[in-house]
């Protein structure tokens, strides 16, 4: 802020067209009340235990630092970046290396508690709800995000940290009666004839973030609307709370 320059955490997920569309569609599903999201990968597929940086606290290892930002960012997006009022975390810490291996996190969002529903015959408090998140490095999970509101839901399909498809469901009269619409956003065609140049799935999607940052810099913006610094700081606070509740120490004594 002092220098008047752009500062942003490089959370590429927020810039995928499918995620941008999900944010745009949030008003369509009414008041968001429930979010579920997961991101677990099996580190043993590519890493050697215990020598890999994945299992080294000094090198930023552990499930919370590596995988929690993705489901956390989905929950914060659904609840407009507000800070949760309660955070509960349970998980597993490796006694040999001291890193967290997996965890489940429940967030409570209080919303606008000054608004009463007794006169509107609506028990929903605006902005209130819960998020149930799972993350880890022990297994490969489905990796899907579901954002559920009073009028419908949005599913960001796997792999939801770099998605190309989402489904909007709008509730109709009667239980389990919904109108469904699917949105597809194929990845841009690579200039290379081979996708083996990429290390991560859907890595071509990094161009979305790069283009957005270029637009911000060209416009002399100091914050990127897809992921503001204020929201990034809330996410960092939640990660630290998770590590504290799990008993993960930053360094050896």
C-alpha atoms as a PDB file:
ATOM      1  CA  UNK A   1       0.000   0.000   0.000  1.00  0.00           C
ATOM      2  CA  UNK A   2       2.856   2.372   0.816  1.00  0.00           C
ATOM      3  CA  UNK A   3       4.467   1.856  -2.599  1.00  0.00           C
ATOM      4  CA  UNK A   4       1.168   1.806  -4.467  1.00  0.00           C
ATOM      5  CA  UNK A   5       1.939  -1.428  -6.303  1.00  0.00           C
ATOM      6  CA  UNK A   6       0.046  -4.642  -6.942  1.00  0.00           C
ATOM      7  CA  UNK A   7       0.464  -7.433  -4.401  1.00  0.00           C
ATOM      8  CA  UNK A   8      -1.427 -10.705  -4.778  1.00  0.00           C
ATOM      9  CA  UNK A   9      -1.098 -14.301  -3.698  1.00  0.00           C
ATOM     10  CA  UNK A  10      -0.860 -16.436  -6.828  1.00  0.00           C
ATOM     11  CA  UNK A  11      -3.937 -18.592  -6.245  1.00  0.00           C
ATOM     12  CA  UNK A  12      -4.501 -19.592  -9.861  1.00  0.00           C
ATOM     13  CA  UNK A  13      -7.807 -21.346  -9.109  1.00  0.00           C
ATOM     14  CA  UNK A  14      -9.674 -18.055  -8.777  1.00  0.00           C
ATOM     15  CA  UNK A  15      -8.942 -17.121 -12.402  1.00  0.00           C
ATOM     16  CA  UNK A  16     -10.312 -20.172 -14.188  1.00  0.00           C
ATOM     17  CA  UNK A  17     -13.403 -19.242 -16.241  1.00  0.00           C
ATOM     18  CA  UNK A  18     -15.412 -21.943 -14.473  1.00  0.00           C
ATOM     19  CA  UNK A  19     -14.653 -20.386 -11.074  1.00  0.00           C
ATOM     20  CA  UNK A  20     -15.321 -16.871 -12.377  1.00  0.00           C
ATOM     21  CA  UNK A  21     -18.673 -18.116 -13.691  1.00  0.00           C
ATOM     22  CA  UNK A  22     -19.462 -19.759 -10.354  1.00  0.00           C
ATOM     23  CA  UNK A  23     -18.899 -16.438  -8.601  1.00  0.00           C
ATOM     24  CA  UNK A  24     -21.136 -14.707 -11.152  1.00  0.00           C
ATOM     25  CA  UNK A  25     -23.895 -17.285 -10.584  1.00  0.00           C
ATOM     26  CA  UNK A  26     -23.921 -17.060  -6.787  1.00  0.00           C
ATOM     27  CA  UNK A  27     -26.942 -14.691  -6.693  1.00  0.00           C
ATOM     28  CA  UNK A  28     -28.903 -17.246  -8.730  1.00  0.00           C
ATOM     29  CA  UNK A  29     -28.833 -19.790  -5.882  1.00  0.00           C
ATOM     30  CA  UNK A  30     -30.147 -17.398  -3.246  1.00  0.00           C
ATOM     31  CA  UNK A  31     -28.439 -17.099   0.134  1.00  0.00           C
ATOM     32  CA  UNK A  32     -25.494 -19.477   0.449  1.00  0.00           C
ATOM     33  CA  UNK A  33     -25.876 -21.637   3.551  1.00  0.00           C
ATOM     34  CA  UNK A  34     -23.596 -24.644   3.005  1.00  0.00           C
ATOM     35  CA  UNK A  35     -20.299 -25.357   1.240  1.00  0.00           C
ATOM     36  CA  UNK A  36     -18.390 -28.619   0.914  1.00  0.00           C
ATOM     37  CA  UNK A  37     -15.004 -28.827  -0.770  1.00  0.00           C
ATOM     38  CA  UNK A  38     -12.071 -31.220  -0.748  1.00  0.00           C
ATOM     39  CA  UNK A  39      -8.537 -31.484  -2.077  1.00  0.00           C
ATOM     40  CA  UNK A  40      -6.514 -34.566  -1.206  1.00  0.00           C
ATOM     41  CA  UNK A  41      -3.698 -36.038  -3.282  1.00  0.00           C
ATOM     42  CA  UNK A  42      -1.552 -39.090  -2.630  1.00  0.00           C
ATOM     43  CA  UNK A  43       1.971 -37.770  -2.143  1.00  0.00           C
ATOM     44  CA  UNK A  44       3.354 -41.289  -2.422  1.00  0.00           C
ATOM     45  CA  UNK A  45       2.615 -41.168  -6.147  1.00  0.00           C
ATOM     46  CA  UNK A  46       5.581 -38.861  -6.700  1.00  0.00           C
ATOM     47  CA  UNK A  47       7.321 -38.166  -3.384  1.00  0.00           C
ATOM     48  CA  UNK A  48       9.743 -40.205  -1.280  1.00  0.00           C
ATOM     49  CA  UNK A  49       8.966 -40.414   2.429  1.00  0.00           C
ATOM     50  CA  UNK A  50      10.397 -38.855   4.552  1.00  0.00           C
ATOM     51  CA  UNK A  51      12.945 -37.025   2.389  1.00  0.00           C
ATOM     52  CA  UNK A  52      10.541 -35.083   0.159  1.00  0.00           C
ATOM     53  CA  UNK A  53       9.862 -31.395   0.934  1.00  0.00           C
ATOM     54  CA  UNK A  54       6.214 -32.473   1.347  1.00  0.00           C
ATOM     55  CA  UNK A  55       7.233 -33.924   4.719  1.00  0.00           C
ATOM     56  CA  UNK A  56       9.664 -31.170   5.738  1.00  0.00           C
ATOM     57  CA  UNK A  57       8.299 -28.398   7.962  1.00  0.00           C
ATOM     58  CA  UNK A  58      11.277 -26.155   7.281  1.00  0.00           C
ATOM     59  CA  UNK A  59      10.527 -26.275   3.549  1.00  0.00           C
ATOM     60  CA  UNK A  60       6.809 -25.563   3.831  1.00  0.00           C
ATOM     61  CA  UNK A  61       5.685 -29.168   3.946  1.00  0.00           C
ATOM     62  CA  UNK A  62       2.458 -30.504   5.382  1.00  0.00           C
ATOM     63  CA  UNK A  63      -1.124 -30.763   4.217  1.00  0.00           C
ATOM     64  CA  UNK A  64      -2.320 -27.385   5.483  1.00  0.00           C
ATOM     65  CA  UNK A  65       0.278 -25.368   3.599  1.00  0.00           C
ATOM     66  CA  UNK A  66       0.113 -27.510   0.458  1.00  0.00           C
ATOM     67  CA  UNK A  67      -3.565 -28.341  -0.009  1.00  0.00           C
ATOM     68  CA  UNK A  68      -5.860 -26.363   2.316  1.00  0.00           C
ATOM     69  CA  UNK A  69      -5.785 -23.079   0.326  1.00  0.00           C
ATOM     70  CA  UNK A  70      -7.914 -24.618  -2.421  1.00  0.00           C
ATOM     71  CA  UNK A  71     -10.986 -25.696  -0.403  1.00  0.00           C
ATOM     72  CA  UNK A  72     -10.548 -22.673   1.863  1.00  0.00           C
ATOM     73  CA  UNK A  73     -10.624 -20.320  -1.106  1.00  0.00           C
ATOM     74  CA  UNK A  74     -13.870 -21.898  -2.300  1.00  0.00           C
ATOM     75  CA  UNK A  75     -15.510 -21.367   1.087  1.00  0.00           C
ATOM     76  CA  UNK A  76     -14.339 -17.758   1.294  1.00  0.00           C
ATOM     77  CA  UNK A  77     -15.552 -17.056  -2.234  1.00  0.00           C
ATOM     78  CA  UNK A  78     -19.000 -18.463  -1.430  1.00  0.00           C
ATOM     79  CA  UNK A  79     -19.274 -16.370   1.738  1.00  0.00           C
ATOM     80  CA  UNK A  80     -17.958 -13.153   0.140  1.00  0.00           C
ATOM     81  CA  UNK A  81     -14.519 -13.272   1.753  1.00  0.00           C
ATOM     82  CA  UNK A  82     -15.781 -12.738   5.276  1.00  0.00           C
ATOM     83  CA  UNK A  83     -13.841 -14.056   8.272  1.00  0.00           C
ATOM     84  CA  UNK A  84     -15.463 -17.114   9.908  1.00  0.00           C
ATOM     85  CA  UNK A  85     -16.632 -16.738  13.489  1.00  0.00           C
ATOM     86  CA  UNK A  86     -15.689 -20.303  14.469  1.00  0.00           C
ATOM     87  CA  UNK A  87     -13.014 -22.682  13.162  1.00  0.00           C
ATOM     88  CA  UNK A  88     -12.798 -26.343  14.166  1.00  0.00           C
ATOM     89  CA  UNK A  89     -10.025 -28.586  12.828  1.00  0.00           C
ATOM     90  CA  UNK A  90      -9.192 -32.243  13.401  1.00  0.00           C
ATOM     91  CA  UNK A  91      -6.526 -34.239  11.645  1.00  0.00           C
ATOM     92  CA  UNK A  92      -3.454 -36.406  11.672  1.00  0.00           C
ATOM     93  CA  UNK A  93       0.113 -35.284  12.332  1.00  0.00           C
ATOM     94  CA  UNK A  94       3.023 -37.543  11.406  1.00  0.00           C
ATOM     95  CA  UNK A  95       4.970 -38.211  14.643  1.00  0.00           C
ATOM     96  CA  UNK A  96       8.193 -38.871  12.729  1.00  0.00           C
ATOM     97  CA  UNK A  97       8.354 -35.674  10.663  1.00  0.00           C
ATOM     98  CA  UNK A  98       5.942 -33.446  12.582  1.00  0.00           C
ATOM     99  CA  UNK A  99       3.975 -32.398   9.498  1.00  0.00           C
ATOM    100  CA  UNK A 100       0.216 -32.600   9.217  1.00  0.00           C
ATOM    101  CA  UNK A 101      -0.901 -35.318   6.797  1.00  0.00           C
ATOM    102  CA  UNK A 102      -4.633 -34.708   6.545  1.00  0.00           C
ATOM    103  CA  UNK A 103      -7.352 -32.681   8.199  1.00  0.00           C
ATOM    104  CA  UNK A 104     -11.018 -31.800   8.186  1.00  0.00           C
ATOM    105  CA  UNK A 105     -12.104 -28.237   8.864  1.00  0.00           C
ATOM    106  CA  UNK A 106     -15.513 -26.816   9.741  1.00  0.00           C
ATOM    107  CA  UNK A 107     -16.088 -23.082   9.431  1.00  0.00           C
ATOM    108  CA  UNK A 108     -19.043 -21.137  10.812  1.00  0.00           C
ATOM    109  CA  UNK A 109     -20.045 -17.829   9.239  1.00  0.00           C
ATOM    110  CA  UNK A 110     -22.321 -15.731  11.444  1.00  0.00           C
ATOM    111  CA  UNK A 111     -23.589 -13.393   8.750  1.00  0.00           C
ATOM    112  CA  UNK A 112     -25.689 -10.324   9.503  1.00  0.00           C
ATOM    113  CA  UNK A 113     -26.944 -11.126  12.999  1.00  0.00           C
ATOM    114  CA  UNK A 114     -28.671  -7.747  13.234  1.00  0.00           C
ATOM    115  CA  UNK A 115     -31.254  -8.934  10.710  1.00  0.00           C
ATOM    116  CA  UNK A 116     -34.199 -10.741  12.248  1.00  0.00           C
ATOM    117  CA  UNK A 117     -36.359 -13.187  10.371  1.00  0.00           C
ATOM    118  CA  UNK A 118     -39.479 -13.122  12.569  1.00  0.00           C
ATOM    119  CA  UNK A 119     -41.215 -10.565  10.359  1.00  0.00           C
ATOM    120  CA  UNK A 120     -40.092 -12.006   7.030  1.00  0.00           C
ATOM    121  CA  UNK A 121     -41.031 -15.632   7.798  1.00  0.00           C
ATOM    122  CA  UNK A 122     -37.566 -16.583   6.558  1.00  0.00           C
ATOM    123  CA  UNK A 123     -35.209 -18.303   9.025  1.00  0.00           C
ATOM    124  CA  UNK A 124     -32.116 -17.661   6.898  1.00  0.00           C
ATOM    125  CA  UNK A 125     -29.634 -15.122   8.241  1.00  0.00           C
ATOM    126  CA  UNK A 126     -27.940 -13.312   5.310  1.00  0.00           C
ATOM    127  CA  UNK A 127     -24.308 -14.336   4.981  1.00  0.00           C
ATOM    128  CA  UNK A 128     -24.535 -17.075   7.601  1.00  0.00           C
ATOM    129  CA  UNK A 129     -23.715 -20.701   6.996  1.00  0.00           C
ATOM    130  CA  UNK A 130     -21.177 -23.470   7.377  1.00  0.00           C
ATOM    131  CA  UNK A 131     -18.376 -24.906   5.271  1.00  0.00           C
ATOM    132  CA  UNK A 132     -17.066 -28.451   5.600  1.00  0.00           C
ATOM    133  CA  UNK A 133     -13.620 -28.877   4.081  1.00  0.00           C
ATOM    134  CA  UNK A 134     -11.229 -31.808   3.687  1.00  0.00           C
ATOM    135  CA  UNK A 135      -7.589 -31.752   2.620  1.00  0.00           C
ATOM    136  CA  UNK A 136      -4.501 -33.917   2.802  1.00  0.00           C
ATOM    137  CA  UNK A 137      -1.600 -35.764   1.191  1.00  0.00           C
ATOM    138  CA  UNK A 138      -2.523 -39.380   1.987  1.00  0.00           C
ATOM    139  CA  UNK A 139      -5.058 -40.214  -0.709  1.00  0.00           C
ATOM    140  CA  UNK A 140      -6.657 -38.901  -3.873  1.00  0.00           C
ATOM    141  CA  UNK A 141     -10.146 -37.607  -3.191  1.00  0.00           C
ATOM    142  CA  UNK A 142     -12.926 -36.728  -5.608  1.00  0.00           C
ATOM    143  CA  UNK A 143     -11.978 -33.029  -5.427  1.00  0.00           C
ATOM    144  CA  UNK A 144     -15.302 -31.327  -5.967  1.00  0.00           C
ATOM    145  CA  UNK A 145     -16.895 -28.191  -4.570  1.00  0.00           C
ATOM    146  CA  UNK A 146     -20.600 -27.838  -3.834  1.00  0.00           C
ATOM    147  CA  UNK A 147     -22.049 -24.447  -2.955  1.00  0.00           C
ATOM    148  CA  UNK A 148     -25.638 -24.761  -1.741  1.00  0.00           C
ATOM    149  CA  UNK A 149     -28.041 -21.867  -1.407  1.00  0.00           C
ATOM    150  CA  UNK A 150     -31.694 -21.376  -0.563  1.00  0.00           C
ATOM    151  CA  UNK A 151     -32.703 -21.425  -4.244  1.00  0.00           C
ATOM    152  CA  UNK A 152     -30.259 -23.908  -5.729  1.00  0.00           C
ATOM    153  CA  UNK A 153     -26.667 -25.072  -5.871  1.00  0.00           C
ATOM    154  CA  UNK A 154     -23.449 -24.839  -7.860  1.00  0.00           C
ATOM    155  CA  UNK A 155     -21.107 -27.778  -8.348  1.00  0.00           C
ATOM    156  CA  UNK A 156     -17.566 -27.059  -9.494  1.00  0.00           C
ATOM    157  CA  UNK A 157     -16.457 -30.391 -10.882  1.00  0.00           C
ATOM    158  CA  UNK A 158     -13.198 -32.222 -10.417  1.00  0.00           C
ATOM    159  CA  UNK A 159     -10.443 -31.159 -10.445  1.00  0.00           C
ATOM    160  CA  UNK A 160     -12.015 -28.160  -8.704  1.00  0.00           C
ATOM    161  CA  UNK A 161      -8.685 -26.403  -8.074  1.00  0.00           C
ATOM    162  CA  UNK A 162      -8.286 -26.083 -11.868  1.00  0.00           C
ATOM    163  CA  UNK A 163     -11.774 -26.832 -13.236  1.00  0.00           C
ATOM    164  CA  UNK A 164     -13.250 -26.715 -16.703  1.00  0.00           C
ATOM    165  CA  UNK A 165     -16.882 -27.557 -15.869  1.00  0.00           C
ATOM    166  CA  UNK A 166     -19.599 -26.532 -13.433  1.00  0.00           C
ATOM    167  CA  UNK A 167     -23.266 -27.349 -12.953  1.00  0.00           C
ATOM    168  CA  UNK A 168     -25.974 -24.926 -11.844  1.00  0.00           C
ATOM    169  CA  UNK A 169     -29.090 -26.410 -10.244  1.00  0.00           C
ATOM    170  CA  UNK A 170     -32.080 -24.168  -9.561  1.00  0.00           C
ATOM    171  CA  UNK A 171     -34.715 -25.523  -7.203  1.00  0.00           C
ATOM    172  CA  UNK A 172     -38.229 -25.822  -8.533  1.00  0.00           C
ATOM    173  CA  UNK A 173     -41.447 -26.473  -6.614  1.00  0.00           C
ATOM    174  CA  UNK A 174     -41.271 -29.776  -4.755  1.00  0.00           C
ATOM    175  CA  UNK A 175     -38.437 -31.709  -3.170  1.00  0.00           C
ATOM    176  CA  UNK A 176     -35.583 -32.870  -5.450  1.00  0.00           C
ATOM    177  CA  UNK A 177     -37.112 -31.031  -8.393  1.00  0.00           C
ATOM    178  CA  UNK A 178     -34.391 -28.968 -10.034  1.00  0.00           C
ATOM    179  CA  UNK A 179     -33.560 -27.321 -13.320  1.00  0.00           C
ATOM    180  CA  UNK A 180     -29.995 -28.116 -14.359  1.00  0.00           C
ATOM    181  CA  UNK A 181     -27.568 -26.256 -16.589  1.00  0.00           C
ATOM    182  CA  UNK A 182     -23.984 -27.316 -17.330  1.00  0.00           C
ATOM    183  CA  UNK A 183     -21.217 -24.868 -18.293  1.00  0.00           C
ATOM    184  CA  UNK A 184     -18.088 -26.080 -20.085  1.00  0.00           C
ATOM    185  CA  UNK A 185     -14.838 -24.094 -20.387  1.00  0.00           C
ATOM    186  CA  UNK A 186     -12.204 -26.048 -22.340  1.00  0.00           C
ATOM    187  CA  UNK A 187      -8.598 -25.179 -21.651  1.00  0.00           C
ATOM    188  CA  UNK A 188      -6.817 -22.950 -24.177  1.00  0.00           C
ATOM    189  CA  UNK A 189      -4.944 -24.790 -26.899  1.00  0.00           C
ATOM    190  CA  UNK A 190      -1.264 -25.100 -26.043  1.00  0.00           C
ATOM    191  CA  UNK A 191       1.347 -23.752 -28.409  1.00  0.00           C
ATOM    192  CA  UNK A 192       3.132 -27.031 -27.852  1.00  0.00           C
ATOM    193  CA  UNK A 193       1.952 -30.188 -29.572  1.00  0.00           C
ATOM    194  CA  UNK A 194       2.545 -32.130 -26.380  1.00  0.00           C
ATOM    195  CA  UNK A 195       1.011 -31.709 -22.941  1.00  0.00           C
ATOM    196  CA  UNK A 196       3.954 -33.533 -21.354  1.00  0.00           C
ATOM    197  CA  UNK A 197       5.648 -30.138 -20.928  1.00  0.00           C
ATOM    198  CA  UNK A 198       3.298 -29.541 -17.985  1.00  0.00           C
ATOM    199  CA  UNK A 199       3.938 -30.840 -14.483  1.00  0.00           C
ATOM    200  CA  UNK A 200       0.432 -30.351 -13.073  1.00  0.00           C
ATOM    201  CA  UNK A 201      -2.995 -31.263 -14.505  1.00  0.00           C
ATOM    202  CA  UNK A 202      -4.613 -28.416 -16.464  1.00  0.00           C
ATOM    203  CA  UNK A 203      -1.435 -26.330 -16.224  1.00  0.00           C
ATOM    204  CA  UNK A 204      -2.405 -24.490 -19.402  1.00  0.00           C
ATOM    205  CA  UNK A 205      -4.860 -22.668 -17.157  1.00  0.00           C
ATOM    206  CA  UNK A 206      -2.055 -20.655 -15.559  1.00  0.00           C
ATOM    207  CA  UNK A 207      -2.514 -18.277 -18.496  1.00  0.00           C
ATOM    208  CA  UNK A 208      -5.791 -17.039 -16.983  1.00  0.00           C
ATOM    209  CA  UNK A 209      -4.018 -15.727 -13.896  1.00  0.00           C
ATOM    210  CA  UNK A 210      -1.150 -14.286 -15.944  1.00  0.00           C
ATOM    211  CA  UNK A 211      -3.566 -12.379 -18.185  1.00  0.00           C
ATOM    212  CA  UNK A 212      -5.540 -11.022 -15.220  1.00  0.00           C
ATOM    213  CA  UNK A 213      -2.413  -9.784 -13.471  1.00  0.00           C
ATOM    214  CA  UNK A 214      -1.231  -8.144 -16.714  1.00  0.00           C
ATOM    215  CA  UNK A 215      -4.554  -6.302 -16.983  1.00  0.00           C
ATOM    216  CA  UNK A 216      -4.280  -5.106 -13.382  1.00  0.00           C
ATOM    217  CA  UNK A 217      -0.730  -3.852 -13.840  1.00  0.00           C
ATOM    218  CA  UNK A 218      -1.654  -2.111 -17.101  1.00  0.00           C
ATOM    219  CA  UNK A 219      -4.526  -0.368 -15.298  1.00  0.00           C
ATOM    220  CA  UNK A 220      -2.375   0.645 -12.309  1.00  0.00           C
ATOM    221  CA  UNK A 221      -4.510  -1.426  -9.965  1.00  0.00           C
ATOM    222  CA  UNK A 222      -3.095  -2.378  -6.579  1.00  0.00           C
ATOM    223  CA  UNK A 223      -5.473  -5.266  -5.941  1.00  0.00           C
ATOM    224  CA  UNK A 224      -6.829  -8.046  -8.126  1.00  0.00           C
ATOM    225  CA  UNK A 225     -10.624  -8.356  -7.787  1.00  0.00           C
ATOM    226  CA  UNK A 226     -10.591 -12.138  -8.224  1.00  0.00           C
ATOM    227  CA  UNK A 227      -8.497 -12.535  -5.066  1.00  0.00           C
ATOM    228  CA  UNK A 228      -7.926  -9.415  -3.015  1.00  0.00           C
ATOM    229  CA  UNK A 229      -5.117  -9.046  -0.533  1.00  0.00           C
ATOM    230  CA  UNK A 230      -7.617  -8.714   2.325  1.00  0.00           C
ATOM    231  CA  UNK A 231      -9.135 -12.067   1.396  1.00  0.00           C
ATOM    232  CA  UNK A 232      -5.697 -13.636   1.026  1.00  0.00           C
ATOM    233  CA  UNK A 233      -4.830 -12.510   4.552  1.00  0.00           C
ATOM    234  CA  UNK A 234      -8.017 -14.112   5.920  1.00  0.00           C
ATOM    235  CA  UNK A 235      -7.025 -17.355   4.193  1.00  0.00           C
ATOM    236  CA  UNK A 236      -3.530 -17.170   5.730  1.00  0.00           C
ATOM    237  CA  UNK A 237      -5.041 -16.637   9.189  1.00  0.00           C
ATOM    238  CA  UNK A 238      -7.244 -19.710   8.755  1.00  0.00           C
ATOM    239  CA  UNK A 239      -4.283 -21.821   7.683  1.00  0.00           C
ATOM    240  CA  UNK A 240      -2.391 -20.726  10.783  1.00  0.00           C
ATOM    241  CA  UNK A 241      -5.373 -21.545  12.987  1.00  0.00           C
ATOM    242  CA  UNK A 242      -5.544 -25.005  11.413  1.00  0.00           C
ATOM    243  CA  UNK A 243      -1.864 -25.681  12.102  1.00  0.00           C
ATOM    244  CA  UNK A 244      -2.202 -24.467  15.694  1.00  0.00           C
ATOM    245  CA  UNK A 245      -5.239 -26.653  16.355  1.00  0.00           C
ATOM    246  CA  UNK A 246      -3.467 -29.656  14.849  1.00  0.00           C
ATOM    247  CA  UNK A 247      -0.380 -28.997  16.962  1.00  0.00           C
ATOM    248  CA  UNK A 248       2.012 -28.474  14.044  1.00  0.00           C
ATOM    249  CA  UNK A 249       5.172 -26.625  15.093  1.00  0.00           C
ATOM    250  CA  UNK A 250       6.898 -24.285  12.673  1.00  0.00           C
ATOM    251  CA  UNK A 251      10.406 -25.532  13.468  1.00  0.00           C
ATOM    252  CA  UNK A 252      12.115 -27.974  15.780  1.00  0.00           C
ATOM    253  CA  UNK A 253      12.924 -26.717  19.253  1.00  0.00           C
END
